[in-house]
Amino acid sequence: MKVVSKQTNSKMCLICGLENDLGLKGNFYNMEDGSVGAIFTFKPVHQSYPGRTHGGMISALLDELAGRALWVTDPELFGVTATMTVKFRKPVLYGQKLLGKGEITKRSGRLFTAKAKVMDENKNTLAELEGTYMILDAQTITKGLSFSKEEDVSLLVEDDVTEIDL
C-alpha cells in the first residue's frame, strides 16, 4: 500500500519520541486507504519474558496507532484515550520487523472509535486494539504546562519509505 506522507514525531514520547533513549522511536505514515501505518522493531529493553515484548509496550504502540489515525485527516488535533481493549493473539518478539495499522471506525462530535493491530511480516495479527478517543487540541491537553507544539511534537524526519505491505 502506498504511503501518502509521513507523520511527525515528538521528543520524549515513549512510542515516537526521537530523544527518548528507552523508547521505540516509531515512525508513522499516512496511507492511501486513510489508515496510519508503521514499521518498527521492539528492542530488548522492551522485554517481558525472555525474547518477548512486554504487553504494556504492545498496548502503548496499539494506542498510539489508534490515536494517530486522527492525524491522517486532522494533524492539528489529538486523539486522547478514553477506553481501550487489547487482545493479544500471539507472542510479539523483540528484535524482528513488525507492522502496525490504525484506522478510525466511527467519528461523532468530539469522539472517535478506532482499531489498531500489530502484525508480523507475514501479516499475521499478533495483537489488536479497539478504543474510544476524545478529540482535543494541544492547548487543552497542555493547559497550565510549558509546551510548544513546534518544539515538542512536530519533529519531521523524512525517509524513503514509499510503501508498506499492510
N, C-alpha and C. Protein backbone atom coordinates (compact mmCIF):
# COMPACT_ATOMS: atom_id res chain seq x y z
N MET A 1 0.84 -1.17 0.00
CA MET A 1 0.00 0.00 0.00
C MET A 1 0.89 1.24 0.00
N LYS A 2 0.48 2.24 -0.75
CA LYS A 2 1.30 3.45 -0.88
C LYS A 2 1.22 4.35 0.35
N VAL A 3 2.37 4.91 0.68
CA VAL A 3 2.47 5.93 1.73
C VAL A 3 2.16 7.28 1.09
N VAL A 4 1.23 8.03 1.68
CA VAL A 4 0.89 9.36 1.19
C VAL A 4 1.85 10.39 1.77
N SER A 5 2.12 10.28 3.08
CA SER A 5 3.02 11.22 3.75
C SER A 5 3.45 10.63 5.09
N LYS A 6 4.46 11.23 5.66
CA LYS A 6 4.96 10.78 6.96
C LYS A 6 4.41 11.69 8.05
N GLN A 7 4.07 11.12 9.19
CA GLN A 7 3.61 11.90 10.33
C GLN A 7 4.83 12.37 11.14
N THR A 8 4.61 13.37 11.96
CA THR A 8 5.68 13.90 12.79
C THR A 8 5.91 13.03 14.03
N ASN A 9 7.07 13.21 14.63
CA ASN A 9 7.45 12.56 15.89
C ASN A 9 7.51 13.62 16.97
N SER A 10 7.66 13.16 18.21
CA SER A 10 7.87 14.08 19.32
C SER A 10 9.28 13.90 19.86
N LYS A 11 9.61 14.65 20.89
CA LYS A 11 10.91 14.50 21.52
C LYS A 11 10.94 13.32 22.49
N MET A 12 9.94 13.24 23.40
CA MET A 12 10.07 12.31 24.52
C MET A 12 8.98 11.25 24.63
N CYS A 13 8.04 11.18 23.73
CA CYS A 13 7.00 10.15 23.79
C CYS A 13 7.64 8.76 23.87
N LEU A 14 7.07 7.87 24.65
CA LEU A 14 7.59 6.51 24.79
C LEU A 14 7.58 5.77 23.46
N ILE A 15 6.61 6.06 22.61
CA ILE A 15 6.48 5.34 21.35
C ILE A 15 7.16 6.08 20.19
N CYS A 16 6.96 7.38 20.07
CA CYS A 16 7.51 8.10 18.90
C CYS A 16 8.62 9.08 19.24
N GLY A 17 8.99 9.20 20.49
CA GLY A 17 9.98 10.20 20.89
C GLY A 17 11.38 9.91 20.37
N LEU A 18 11.89 10.83 19.60
CA LEU A 18 13.22 10.66 19.00
C LEU A 18 14.35 10.83 20.00
N GLU A 19 14.08 11.50 21.14
CA GLU A 19 15.11 11.72 22.15
C GLU A 19 14.92 10.84 23.38
N ASN A 20 13.99 9.90 23.33
CA ASN A 20 13.73 9.01 24.46
C ASN A 20 14.60 7.76 24.28
N ASP A 21 15.64 7.64 25.07
CA ASP A 21 16.60 6.55 24.93
C ASP A 21 15.98 5.17 25.12
N LEU A 22 14.92 5.07 25.92
CA LEU A 22 14.28 3.78 26.16
C LEU A 22 13.06 3.55 25.28
N GLY A 23 12.70 4.54 24.48
CA GLY A 23 11.50 4.47 23.66
C GLY A 23 11.68 3.67 22.38
N LEU A 24 10.58 3.50 21.69
CA LEU A 24 10.55 2.75 20.44
C LEU A 24 11.06 3.56 19.25
N LYS A 25 10.94 4.88 19.32
CA LYS A 25 11.32 5.78 18.22
C LYS A 25 10.58 5.42 16.93
N GLY A 26 9.28 5.14 17.08
CA GLY A 26 8.46 4.69 15.96
C GLY A 26 8.21 5.76 14.93
N ASN A 27 8.08 5.33 13.70
CA ASN A 27 7.74 6.20 12.58
C ASN A 27 6.37 5.79 12.06
N PHE A 28 5.54 6.79 11.75
CA PHE A 28 4.17 6.56 11.35
C PHE A 28 3.88 7.26 10.03
N TYR A 29 3.03 6.63 9.23
CA TYR A 29 2.79 7.09 7.87
C TYR A 29 1.30 7.13 7.55
N ASN A 30 0.89 8.18 6.85
CA ASN A 30 -0.47 8.28 6.34
C ASN A 30 -0.55 7.42 5.09
N MET A 31 -1.49 6.49 5.08
CA MET A 31 -1.59 5.53 3.99
C MET A 31 -2.70 5.90 3.01
N GLU A 32 -2.60 5.37 1.80
CA GLU A 32 -3.55 5.74 0.75
C GLU A 32 -4.99 5.33 1.05
N ASP A 33 -5.21 4.37 1.94
CA ASP A 33 -6.58 3.95 2.27
C ASP A 33 -7.16 4.73 3.44
N GLY A 34 -6.45 5.76 3.93
CA GLY A 34 -6.95 6.57 5.03
C GLY A 34 -6.55 6.06 6.40
N SER A 35 -5.74 5.03 6.45
CA SER A 35 -5.25 4.49 7.73
C SER A 35 -3.87 5.08 8.03
N VAL A 36 -3.36 4.75 9.23
CA VAL A 36 -1.98 5.09 9.58
C VAL A 36 -1.22 3.77 9.64
N GLY A 37 -0.03 3.75 9.08
CA GLY A 37 0.80 2.54 9.07
C GLY A 37 2.12 2.79 9.77
N ALA A 38 2.76 1.70 10.18
CA ALA A 38 4.05 1.81 10.85
C ALA A 38 4.89 0.57 10.57
N ILE A 39 6.19 0.78 10.55
CA ILE A 39 7.17 -0.31 10.51
C ILE A 39 8.07 -0.07 11.71
N PHE A 40 8.29 -1.10 12.53
CA PHE A 40 9.05 -0.89 13.76
C PHE A 40 9.64 -2.20 14.24
N THR A 41 10.54 -2.09 15.19
CA THR A 41 11.17 -3.25 15.83
C THR A 41 11.30 -2.95 17.32
N PHE A 42 10.67 -3.78 18.14
CA PHE A 42 10.87 -3.64 19.59
C PHE A 42 12.29 -4.05 19.93
N LYS A 43 12.82 -3.50 21.03
CA LYS A 43 14.20 -3.75 21.46
C LYS A 43 14.21 -4.62 22.71
N PRO A 44 15.36 -5.20 23.05
CA PRO A 44 15.46 -5.99 24.29
C PRO A 44 15.04 -5.22 25.54
N VAL A 45 15.21 -3.89 25.55
CA VAL A 45 14.82 -3.09 26.71
C VAL A 45 13.29 -3.09 26.88
N HIS A 46 12.54 -3.52 25.88
CA HIS A 46 11.08 -3.60 25.93
C HIS A 46 10.61 -4.99 26.34
N GLN A 47 11.49 -5.79 26.85
CA GLN A 47 11.23 -7.19 27.18
C GLN A 47 10.26 -7.38 28.35
N SER A 48 9.51 -8.46 28.24
CA SER A 48 8.72 -9.02 29.35
C SER A 48 9.39 -10.34 29.68
N TYR A 49 8.87 -11.42 29.16
CA TYR A 49 9.54 -12.71 29.29
C TYR A 49 10.70 -12.74 28.31
N PRO A 50 11.68 -13.61 28.53
CA PRO A 50 12.82 -13.65 27.61
C PRO A 50 12.37 -13.80 26.15
N GLY A 51 12.88 -12.90 25.32
CA GLY A 51 12.58 -12.93 23.89
C GLY A 51 11.27 -12.30 23.49
N ARG A 52 10.46 -11.89 24.47
CA ARG A 52 9.12 -11.38 24.17
C ARG A 52 8.96 -9.94 24.64
N THR A 53 8.17 -9.20 23.88
CA THR A 53 7.89 -7.81 24.21
C THR A 53 6.84 -7.73 25.31
N HIS A 54 7.02 -6.79 26.21
CA HIS A 54 6.09 -6.56 27.33
C HIS A 54 4.73 -6.13 26.79
N GLY A 55 3.66 -6.68 27.36
CA GLY A 55 2.31 -6.34 26.94
C GLY A 55 1.99 -4.86 27.07
N GLY A 56 2.60 -4.20 28.04
CA GLY A 56 2.39 -2.76 28.19
C GLY A 56 2.95 -1.97 27.02
N MET A 57 4.09 -2.40 26.51
CA MET A 57 4.68 -1.73 25.34
C MET A 57 3.83 -1.98 24.09
N ILE A 58 3.35 -3.21 23.96
CA ILE A 58 2.48 -3.54 22.82
C ILE A 58 1.21 -2.71 22.89
N SER A 59 0.62 -2.62 24.09
CA SER A 59 -0.60 -1.82 24.28
C SER A 59 -0.36 -0.35 23.97
N ALA A 60 0.79 0.17 24.42
CA ALA A 60 1.12 1.57 24.15
C ALA A 60 1.26 1.82 22.66
N LEU A 61 1.89 0.91 21.95
CA LEU A 61 2.02 1.07 20.50
C LEU A 61 0.66 1.03 19.82
N LEU A 62 -0.17 0.08 20.20
CA LEU A 62 -1.52 0.00 19.62
C LEU A 62 -2.31 1.28 19.89
N ASP A 63 -2.20 1.80 21.10
CA ASP A 63 -2.88 3.04 21.47
C ASP A 63 -2.38 4.19 20.60
N GLU A 64 -1.09 4.24 20.37
CA GLU A 64 -0.51 5.29 19.51
C GLU A 64 -1.04 5.18 18.08
N LEU A 65 -1.08 3.97 17.56
CA LEU A 65 -1.60 3.76 16.20
C LEU A 65 -3.06 4.21 16.09
N ALA A 66 -3.88 3.83 17.06
CA ALA A 66 -5.29 4.20 17.01
C ALA A 66 -5.45 5.71 17.15
N GLY A 67 -4.74 6.32 18.09
CA GLY A 67 -4.84 7.76 18.28
C GLY A 67 -4.34 8.54 17.08
N ARG A 68 -3.26 8.06 16.45
CA ARG A 68 -2.70 8.74 15.29
C ARG A 68 -3.55 8.60 14.05
N ALA A 69 -4.51 7.70 14.05
CA ALA A 69 -5.41 7.58 12.90
C ALA A 69 -6.12 8.92 12.65
N LEU A 70 -6.32 9.70 13.70
CA LEU A 70 -6.94 11.02 13.55
C LEU A 70 -6.05 11.95 12.73
N TRP A 71 -4.74 11.81 12.85
CA TRP A 71 -3.82 12.70 12.14
C TRP A 71 -3.85 12.52 10.63
N VAL A 72 -4.39 11.43 10.15
CA VAL A 72 -4.48 11.24 8.70
C VAL A 72 -5.30 12.37 8.08
N THR A 73 -6.36 12.79 8.77
CA THR A 73 -7.22 13.86 8.26
C THR A 73 -7.12 15.16 9.05
N ASP A 74 -6.72 15.07 10.33
CA ASP A 74 -6.67 16.25 11.20
C ASP A 74 -5.37 16.31 11.99
N PRO A 75 -4.26 16.67 11.34
CA PRO A 75 -2.96 16.63 12.01
C PRO A 75 -2.78 17.66 13.12
N GLU A 76 -3.68 18.60 13.27
CA GLU A 76 -3.58 19.60 14.33
C GLU A 76 -4.30 19.18 15.61
N LEU A 77 -5.04 18.08 15.56
CA LEU A 77 -5.81 17.62 16.72
C LEU A 77 -5.19 16.35 17.28
N PHE A 78 -5.59 15.99 18.50
CA PHE A 78 -5.05 14.80 19.16
C PHE A 78 -6.17 13.88 19.59
N GLY A 79 -5.93 12.58 19.47
CA GLY A 79 -6.84 11.58 19.99
C GLY A 79 -6.37 11.18 21.38
N VAL A 80 -7.14 11.51 22.41
CA VAL A 80 -6.79 11.21 23.79
C VAL A 80 -7.62 10.02 24.25
N THR A 81 -6.96 8.99 24.75
CA THR A 81 -7.62 7.72 25.07
C THR A 81 -8.69 7.87 26.14
N ALA A 82 -9.89 7.38 25.84
CA ALA A 82 -10.97 7.29 26.82
C ALA A 82 -11.10 5.84 27.30
N THR A 83 -11.15 4.91 26.36
CA THR A 83 -11.19 3.48 26.69
C THR A 83 -10.40 2.72 25.64
N MET A 84 -9.87 1.57 26.04
CA MET A 84 -9.24 0.69 25.05
C MET A 84 -9.28 -0.74 25.55
N THR A 85 -9.50 -1.64 24.60
CA THR A 85 -9.48 -3.07 24.88
C THR A 85 -8.43 -3.69 23.97
N VAL A 86 -7.51 -4.42 24.57
CA VAL A 86 -6.42 -5.04 23.81
C VAL A 86 -6.57 -6.56 23.89
N LYS A 87 -6.39 -7.19 22.74
CA LYS A 87 -6.38 -8.65 22.67
C LYS A 87 -5.02 -9.09 22.14
N PHE A 88 -4.37 -9.97 22.89
CA PHE A 88 -3.07 -10.50 22.49
C PHE A 88 -3.31 -11.85 21.84
N ARG A 89 -2.95 -11.97 20.57
CA ARG A 89 -3.23 -13.18 19.80
C ARG A 89 -2.05 -14.16 19.77
N LYS A 90 -0.84 -13.62 19.61
CA LYS A 90 0.37 -14.43 19.51
C LYS A 90 1.51 -13.66 20.16
N PRO A 91 2.58 -14.35 20.57
CA PRO A 91 3.72 -13.64 21.15
C PRO A 91 4.29 -12.60 20.18
N VAL A 92 4.66 -11.45 20.73
CA VAL A 92 5.31 -10.39 19.96
C VAL A 92 6.78 -10.41 20.37
N LEU A 93 7.61 -10.87 19.47
CA LEU A 93 9.03 -10.99 19.75
C LEU A 93 9.73 -9.66 19.51
N TYR A 94 10.74 -9.37 20.32
CA TYR A 94 11.52 -8.18 20.03
C TYR A 94 12.66 -8.57 19.09
N GLY A 95 13.23 -7.56 18.43
CA GLY A 95 14.32 -7.81 17.51
C GLY A 95 13.90 -8.22 16.12
N GLN A 96 12.61 -8.19 15.82
CA GLN A 96 12.17 -8.51 14.46
C GLN A 96 11.26 -7.42 13.91
N LYS A 97 11.30 -7.27 12.61
CA LYS A 97 10.49 -6.25 11.93
C LYS A 97 9.01 -6.57 12.10
N LEU A 98 8.25 -5.56 12.50
CA LEU A 98 6.81 -5.69 12.69
C LEU A 98 6.10 -4.57 11.94
N LEU A 99 4.83 -4.78 11.69
CA LEU A 99 4.00 -3.79 11.01
C LEU A 99 2.85 -3.39 11.92
N GLY A 100 2.40 -2.15 11.78
CA GLY A 100 1.25 -1.68 12.55
C GLY A 100 0.30 -0.94 11.66
N LYS A 101 -0.99 -1.02 12.01
CA LYS A 101 -2.01 -0.30 11.26
C LYS A 101 -3.08 0.20 12.23
N GLY A 102 -3.50 1.44 12.05
CA GLY A 102 -4.57 2.02 12.84
C GLY A 102 -5.56 2.72 11.94
N GLU A 103 -6.85 2.66 12.30
CA GLU A 103 -7.86 3.33 11.49
C GLU A 103 -9.08 3.69 12.32
N ILE A 104 -9.69 4.79 11.95
CA ILE A 104 -10.91 5.24 12.59
C ILE A 104 -12.07 4.42 12.05
N THR A 105 -12.91 3.94 12.95
CA THR A 105 -14.09 3.17 12.54
C THR A 105 -15.37 3.98 12.64
N LYS A 106 -15.38 5.02 13.50
CA LYS A 106 -16.55 5.88 13.64
C LYS A 106 -16.11 7.20 14.25
N ARG A 107 -16.71 8.28 13.76
CA ARG A 107 -16.41 9.60 14.32
C ARG A 107 -17.73 10.33 14.55
N SER A 108 -17.88 10.87 15.76
CA SER A 108 -19.11 11.56 16.11
C SER A 108 -18.79 12.68 17.09
N GLY A 109 -18.94 13.91 16.65
CA GLY A 109 -18.67 15.05 17.52
C GLY A 109 -17.23 15.08 18.00
N ARG A 110 -17.06 15.06 19.33
CA ARG A 110 -15.71 15.14 19.91
C ARG A 110 -15.12 13.78 20.23
N LEU A 111 -15.71 12.71 19.71
CA LEU A 111 -15.22 11.36 19.96
C LEU A 111 -15.00 10.60 18.65
N PHE A 112 -14.08 9.65 18.69
CA PHE A 112 -13.98 8.70 17.59
C PHE A 112 -13.62 7.33 18.16
N THR A 113 -14.00 6.31 17.43
CA THR A 113 -13.58 4.96 17.78
C THR A 113 -12.58 4.52 16.72
N ALA A 114 -11.65 3.69 17.16
CA ALA A 114 -10.60 3.25 16.25
C ALA A 114 -10.20 1.83 16.58
N LYS A 115 -9.56 1.21 15.60
CA LYS A 115 -8.96 -0.10 15.82
C LYS A 115 -7.53 -0.05 15.32
N ALA A 116 -6.72 -0.92 15.91
CA ALA A 116 -5.31 -0.98 15.52
C ALA A 116 -4.83 -2.41 15.68
N LYS A 117 -3.78 -2.73 14.93
CA LYS A 117 -3.20 -4.07 15.08
C LYS A 117 -1.71 -4.05 14.81
N VAL A 118 -1.04 -5.01 15.44
CA VAL A 118 0.38 -5.27 15.22
C VAL A 118 0.46 -6.60 14.51
N MET A 119 1.27 -6.63 13.44
CA MET A 119 1.40 -7.84 12.62
C MET A 119 2.86 -8.19 12.41
N ASP A 120 3.11 -9.47 12.15
CA ASP A 120 4.45 -9.86 11.73
C ASP A 120 4.57 -9.61 10.23
N GLU A 121 5.72 -9.89 9.66
CA GLU A 121 5.94 -9.61 8.23
C GLU A 121 5.05 -10.43 7.31
N ASN A 122 4.49 -11.53 7.82
CA ASN A 122 3.57 -12.35 7.02
C ASN A 122 2.13 -11.92 7.19
N LYS A 123 1.91 -10.77 7.85
CA LYS A 123 0.61 -10.17 8.11
C LYS A 123 -0.25 -10.97 9.07
N ASN A 124 0.37 -11.82 9.90
CA ASN A 124 -0.36 -12.49 10.97
C ASN A 124 -0.60 -11.47 12.07
N THR A 125 -1.83 -11.35 12.54
CA THR A 125 -2.15 -10.42 13.61
C THR A 125 -1.63 -10.97 14.93
N LEU A 126 -0.79 -10.19 15.61
CA LEU A 126 -0.21 -10.59 16.88
C LEU A 126 -0.96 -9.99 18.07
N ALA A 127 -1.46 -8.78 17.90
CA ALA A 127 -2.23 -8.10 18.94
C ALA A 127 -3.11 -7.06 18.26
N GLU A 128 -4.24 -6.76 18.91
CA GLU A 128 -5.15 -5.78 18.32
C GLU A 128 -5.87 -5.00 19.41
N LEU A 129 -6.35 -3.83 19.04
CA LEU A 129 -6.98 -2.91 19.97
C LEU A 129 -8.25 -2.35 19.36
N GLU A 130 -9.24 -2.13 20.20
CA GLU A 130 -10.40 -1.30 19.87
C GLU A 130 -10.49 -0.26 20.97
N GLY A 131 -10.70 1.00 20.59
CA GLY A 131 -10.73 2.05 21.59
C GLY A 131 -11.60 3.22 21.22
N THR A 132 -11.88 4.04 22.21
CA THR A 132 -12.62 5.29 22.04
C THR A 132 -11.70 6.43 22.46
N TYR A 133 -11.69 7.48 21.68
CA TYR A 133 -10.77 8.60 21.88
C TYR A 133 -11.51 9.92 21.85
N MET A 134 -11.09 10.84 22.73
CA MET A 134 -11.60 12.21 22.71
C MET A 134 -10.74 13.02 21.75
N ILE A 135 -11.36 13.91 21.02
CA ILE A 135 -10.64 14.78 20.10
C ILE A 135 -10.38 16.11 20.81
N LEU A 136 -9.09 16.41 21.03
CA LEU A 136 -8.71 17.64 21.72
C LEU A 136 -7.58 18.34 20.97
N ASP A 137 -7.46 19.65 21.22
CA ASP A 137 -6.33 20.38 20.64
C ASP A 137 -5.19 20.42 21.66
N ALA A 138 -4.01 20.77 21.20
CA ALA A 138 -2.81 20.77 22.05
C ALA A 138 -2.95 21.72 23.24
N GLN A 139 -3.59 22.87 23.06
CA GLN A 139 -3.73 23.84 24.13
C GLN A 139 -4.57 23.28 25.28
N THR A 140 -5.61 22.53 24.97
CA THR A 140 -6.46 21.93 26.00
C THR A 140 -5.69 20.85 26.76
N ILE A 141 -4.96 20.02 26.05
CA ILE A 141 -4.21 18.93 26.68
C ILE A 141 -3.12 19.46 27.60
N THR A 142 -2.48 20.53 27.19
CA THR A 142 -1.30 21.03 27.93
C THR A 142 -1.60 22.26 28.78
N LYS A 143 -2.87 22.53 29.05
CA LYS A 143 -3.25 23.71 29.83
C LYS A 143 -2.45 23.76 31.14
N GLY A 144 -1.82 24.90 31.39
CA GLY A 144 -1.05 25.10 32.60
C GLY A 144 0.38 24.57 32.52
N LEU A 145 0.76 23.99 31.40
CA LEU A 145 2.11 23.45 31.24
C LEU A 145 2.90 24.29 30.25
N SER A 146 4.20 24.25 30.36
CA SER A 146 5.05 24.89 29.37
C SER A 146 5.15 23.94 28.18
N PHE A 147 4.62 24.35 27.04
CA PHE A 147 4.53 23.45 25.89
C PHE A 147 4.61 24.25 24.61
N SER A 148 5.39 23.74 23.67
CA SER A 148 5.46 24.31 22.34
C SER A 148 5.26 23.17 21.34
N LYS A 149 4.12 23.20 20.64
CA LYS A 149 3.85 22.13 19.68
C LYS A 149 4.98 22.01 18.66
N GLU A 150 5.49 23.13 18.21
CA GLU A 150 6.55 23.11 17.21
C GLU A 150 7.82 22.45 17.74
N GLU A 151 8.13 22.67 19.02
CA GLU A 151 9.35 22.11 19.60
C GLU A 151 9.17 20.71 20.16
N ASP A 152 7.96 20.38 20.62
CA ASP A 152 7.76 19.12 21.34
C ASP A 152 7.17 17.98 20.51
N VAL A 153 6.27 18.27 19.58
CA VAL A 153 5.60 17.18 18.86
C VAL A 153 5.54 17.38 17.35
N SER A 154 6.34 18.23 16.81
CA SER A 154 6.29 18.49 15.37
C SER A 154 7.63 18.22 14.69
N LEU A 155 8.30 17.15 15.09
CA LEU A 155 9.58 16.81 14.50
C LEU A 155 9.38 15.91 13.29
N LEU A 156 9.73 16.40 12.13
CA LEU A 156 9.57 15.62 10.90
C LEU A 156 10.94 15.23 10.38
N VAL A 157 11.18 13.93 10.33
CA VAL A 157 12.42 13.40 9.78
C VAL A 157 12.02 12.56 8.57
N GLU A 158 12.23 13.12 7.41
CA GLU A 158 11.85 12.42 6.18
C GLU A 158 12.68 11.16 5.99
N ASP A 159 12.11 10.18 5.32
CA ASP A 159 12.83 8.96 4.98
C ASP A 159 12.37 8.51 3.60
N ASP A 160 12.81 7.34 3.17
CA ASP A 160 12.49 6.89 1.81
C ASP A 160 11.41 5.81 1.78
N VAL A 161 10.59 5.69 2.82
CA VAL A 161 9.51 4.70 2.84
C VAL A 161 8.39 5.20 1.93
N THR A 162 8.08 4.43 0.89
CA THR A 162 7.03 4.80 -0.06
C THR A 162 5.88 3.80 -0.08
N GLU A 163 6.11 2.61 0.47
CA GLU A 163 5.07 1.57 0.55
C GLU A 163 5.25 0.76 1.81
N ILE A 164 4.12 0.31 2.36
CA ILE A 164 4.12 -0.61 3.48
C ILE A 164 3.13 -1.71 3.14
N ASP A 165 3.54 -2.94 3.25
CA ASP A 165 2.69 -4.08 2.89
C ASP A 165 1.73 -4.40 4.03
N LEU A 166 0.65 -3.61 4.11
CA LEU A 166 -0.35 -3.82 5.14
C LEU A 166 -1.49 -4.65 4.58
